[in-house]
Amino acid sequence: MKKVVDARGLPCPKPVVLAKRALEESAEVEVLVDSEVALSNLRRMALSMGASFEVVQGEGHAVVRLSRADACPASPAFGGKVLLVTSDSIGRGSDELGSVLMRTFFYALLEARPLPSKVIFVNFGVKLTTHEGQVLEHLRELERRGVEIISCGTCLDYLGLRDSLKVGSVGDMFSIAQALMEGEALVL
């Protein structure tokens, strides 16, 4: 049965997240969008999932028709990737924008496949795993799904946050270096 997702007016990455969830439940999905950004993001998602992609222009919006072949194998839950988070925001410039981007990234990561096997936090990144963290709910969900969350003990101590850790475990630099060498490391 075809699912219909009305993603008009929703900010990035919600149209893609909703469409991906719908495609996991149904082989045919129609997504209503009203922005070129959403249209472009849906096109990339379809390509990455091996799904067909067709656009029909409506009045003030587009209808994106997605379908997947049931024969497509599901991607594994975990990849060999290890994510190293070095800051509590993404990019340079506006701290406010960087914080928004970090929240959006971890929200989107919950929908990515495969998930990383580990997410390691160093330097100011450890703030995200403490009472100051802006993404705690997303990190708790990743941990619930089996992703190992590790915070650098030296960093927590330096920032006076060891007693504030709210998710994951404390790691030392040797175990962090070992994890990075064993997996495909991605730095955020």
Protein backbone atom coordinates (compact mmCIF):
# COMPACT_ATOMS: atom_id res chain seq x y z
CA MET A 1 0.00 0.00 0.00
CA LYS A 2 1.33 3.43 -0.98
CA LYS A 3 2.14 5.86 1.84
CA VAL A 4 1.74 9.62 1.48
CA VAL A 5 3.95 12.02 3.44
CA ASP A 6 3.08 15.71 3.57
CA ALA A 7 6.43 17.41 4.17
CA ARG A 8 5.43 20.86 2.93
CA GLY A 9 6.87 23.62 5.07
CA LEU A 10 9.08 21.29 7.10
CA PRO A 11 12.73 22.29 7.67
CA CYS A 12 15.72 20.20 6.62
CA PRO A 13 16.22 17.25 7.29
CA LYS A 14 12.62 16.35 8.26
CA PRO A 15 11.30 15.71 4.71
CA VAL A 16 14.10 13.19 4.09
CA VAL A 17 13.73 11.55 7.51
CA LEU A 18 9.97 11.15 7.09
CA ALA A 19 10.36 9.84 3.54
CA LYS A 20 13.04 7.34 4.59
CA ARG A 21 10.88 6.04 7.44
CA ALA A 22 7.93 5.70 5.06
CA LEU A 23 10.08 3.81 2.51
CA GLU A 24 11.15 1.40 5.24
CA GLU A 25 7.46 0.62 5.86
CA SER A 26 6.12 0.70 2.30
CA ALA A 27 7.57 -0.07 -1.13
CA GLU A 28 5.80 2.98 -2.63
CA VAL A 29 5.79 6.47 -1.13
CA GLU A 30 4.62 9.88 -2.29
CA VAL A 31 6.16 12.91 -0.60
CA LEU A 32 4.68 16.39 -0.96
CA VAL A 33 7.35 19.11 -0.78
CA ASP A 34 7.41 22.82 -1.46
CA SER A 35 11.13 23.59 -1.64
CA GLU A 36 13.93 22.89 -4.08
CA VAL A 37 16.20 21.94 -1.17
CA ALA A 38 13.82 19.18 -0.04
CA LEU A 39 13.48 18.00 -3.63
CA SER A 40 17.24 17.81 -4.07
CA ASN A 41 17.73 16.06 -0.71
CA LEU A 42 15.04 13.48 -1.56
CA ARG A 43 16.71 12.82 -4.91
CA ARG A 44 20.04 12.09 -3.14
CA MET A 45 18.33 9.89 -0.55
CA ALA A 46 16.57 7.86 -3.27
CA LEU A 47 19.87 7.39 -5.10
CA SER A 48 21.65 6.24 -1.93
CA MET A 49 18.84 3.76 -1.15
CA GLY A 50 18.54 2.43 -4.69
CA ALA A 51 14.95 3.68 -4.90
CA SER A 52 13.28 5.05 -8.03
CA PHE A 53 12.59 8.78 -8.06
CA GLU A 54 9.94 10.66 -10.04
CA VAL A 55 8.70 14.24 -9.64
CA VAL A 56 5.24 15.46 -10.61
CA GLN A 57 4.68 19.20 -10.28
CA GLY A 58 1.54 20.20 -8.40
CA GLU A 59 0.09 23.60 -7.67
CA GLY A 60 2.60 25.29 -5.33
CA HIS A 61 4.31 22.01 -4.50
CA ALA A 62 5.86 18.91 -6.00
CA VAL A 63 4.88 15.29 -5.50
CA VAL A 64 7.91 13.03 -5.26
CA ARG A 65 7.15 9.40 -6.05
CA LEU A 66 9.60 6.97 -4.54
CA SER A 67 9.60 3.22 -4.83
CA ARG A 68 12.02 0.58 -3.74
CA ALA A 69 12.53 -2.92 -4.97
CA ASP A 70 11.69 -5.41 -2.23
CA ALA A 71 14.66 -7.44 -3.41
CA CYS A 72 17.04 -4.69 -2.23
CA PRO A 73 18.95 -6.01 0.77
CA ALA A 74 18.62 -3.99 3.96
CA SER A 75 21.78 -2.20 5.00
CA PRO A 76 23.51 -3.51 8.10
CA ALA A 77 22.66 -1.81 11.39
CA PHE A 78 26.30 -0.93 12.12
CA GLY A 79 29.20 -0.02 9.91
CA GLY A 80 32.87 0.05 10.75
CA LYS A 81 32.73 3.80 11.17
CA VAL A 82 33.81 5.63 14.30
CA LEU A 83 32.65 9.22 14.66
CA LEU A 84 35.01 11.61 16.50
CA VAL A 85 33.24 14.72 17.80
CA THR A 86 35.72 17.47 18.73
CA SER A 87 33.41 20.39 19.53
CA ASP A 88 29.98 21.19 20.90
CA SER A 89 29.04 22.93 17.64
CA ILE A 90 29.65 22.44 13.92
CA GLY A 91 31.78 24.84 11.90
CA ARG A 92 33.23 28.24 12.58
CA GLY A 93 31.45 31.54 12.76
CA SER A 94 28.11 31.76 14.50
CA ASP A 95 28.00 29.70 17.71
CA GLU A 96 24.20 29.74 17.54
CA LEU A 97 24.20 28.32 13.99
CA GLY A 98 26.86 25.77 14.97
CA SER A 99 24.65 24.55 17.83
CA VAL A 100 21.63 24.25 15.54
CA LEU A 101 23.70 22.28 13.04
CA MET A 102 24.94 19.92 15.77
CA ARG A 103 21.39 19.20 16.96
CA THR A 104 20.24 18.66 13.38
CA PHE A 105 23.20 16.38 12.64
CA PHE A 106 22.49 14.04 15.56
CA TYR A 107 18.78 14.03 14.74
CA ALA A 108 19.63 12.99 11.16
CA LEU A 109 22.24 10.46 12.34
CA LEU A 110 19.47 8.51 14.08
CA GLU A 111 18.04 7.81 10.62
CA ALA A 112 21.33 7.02 8.86
CA ARG A 113 22.29 3.47 7.96
CA PRO A 114 24.58 2.02 8.81
CA LEU A 115 24.98 3.62 12.20
CA PRO A 116 28.52 4.19 13.46
CA SER A 117 29.72 1.56 15.90
CA LYS A 118 31.11 4.25 18.23
CA VAL A 119 30.78 7.99 18.76
CA ILE A 120 33.75 9.43 20.64
CA PHE A 121 33.72 12.89 22.20
CA VAL A 122 36.91 14.87 22.89
CA ASN A 123 37.77 18.46 23.82
CA PHE A 124 34.61 20.64 23.99
CA GLY A 125 32.68 17.81 22.32
CA VAL A 126 32.35 16.18 25.76
CA LYS A 127 29.95 18.96 26.73
CA LEU A 128 27.37 17.20 24.53
CA THR A 129 27.42 14.13 26.81
CA THR A 130 26.94 16.09 30.05
CA HIS A 131 24.25 18.16 31.70
CA GLU A 132 25.18 20.94 29.28
CA GLY A 133 24.52 18.72 26.27
CA GLN A 134 22.08 19.89 23.62
CA VAL A 135 21.78 16.47 21.98
CA LEU A 136 21.42 14.18 25.00
CA GLU A 137 18.11 12.66 23.85
CA HIS A 138 19.63 11.73 20.47
CA LEU A 139 22.76 10.28 22.11
CA ARG A 140 20.66 8.22 24.52
CA GLU A 141 18.70 6.84 21.58
CA LEU A 142 21.92 5.97 19.70
CA GLU A 143 23.20 4.20 22.81
CA ARG A 144 19.87 2.36 23.17
CA ARG A 145 20.35 1.14 19.58
CA GLY A 146 23.78 -0.24 20.42
CA VAL A 147 26.12 2.60 19.44
CA GLU A 148 28.93 2.95 21.97
CA ILE A 149 29.20 6.52 23.32
CA ILE A 150 32.61 7.40 24.77
CA SER A 151 33.80 10.66 26.36
CA CYS A 152 37.46 11.49 26.90
CA GLY A 153 38.19 11.36 30.66
CA THR A 154 41.00 13.90 30.45
CA CYS A 155 38.67 16.32 28.66
CA LEU A 156 35.88 15.82 31.20
CA ASP A 157 38.35 16.43 34.05
CA TYR A 158 39.89 19.51 32.41
CA LEU A 159 36.42 21.06 31.96
CA GLY A 160 35.25 19.97 35.44
CA LEU A 161 32.46 17.86 33.92
CA ARG A 162 33.28 14.27 34.95
CA ASP A 163 30.47 14.20 37.53
CA SER A 164 28.05 15.65 34.96
CA LEU A 165 28.29 12.80 32.43
CA LYS A 166 24.73 11.81 31.40
CA VAL A 167 25.27 9.29 28.60
CA GLY A 168 27.91 6.77 27.62
CA SER A 169 31.14 5.91 29.37
CA VAL A 170 34.48 7.53 30.13
CA GLY A 171 37.39 6.50 27.92
CA ASP A 172 41.12 7.05 28.06
CA MET A 173 43.23 8.23 25.15
CA PHE A 174 44.66 4.76 24.49
CA SER A 175 41.20 3.20 24.06
CA ILE A 176 40.13 6.19 21.95
CA ALA A 177 43.21 5.89 19.71
CA GLN A 178 42.66 2.12 19.41
CA ALA A 179 39.00 2.59 18.43
CA LEU A 180 39.95 5.16 15.80
CA MET A 181 42.60 2.88 14.34
CA GLU A 182 40.31 -0.15 14.22
CA GLY A 183 37.43 1.60 12.47
CA GLU A 184 37.01 4.07 9.68
CA ALA A 185 37.31 7.38 11.55
CA LEU A 186 35.14 10.36 10.62
CA VAL A 187 35.79 13.69 12.31
CA LEU A 188 33.02 16.14 13.09
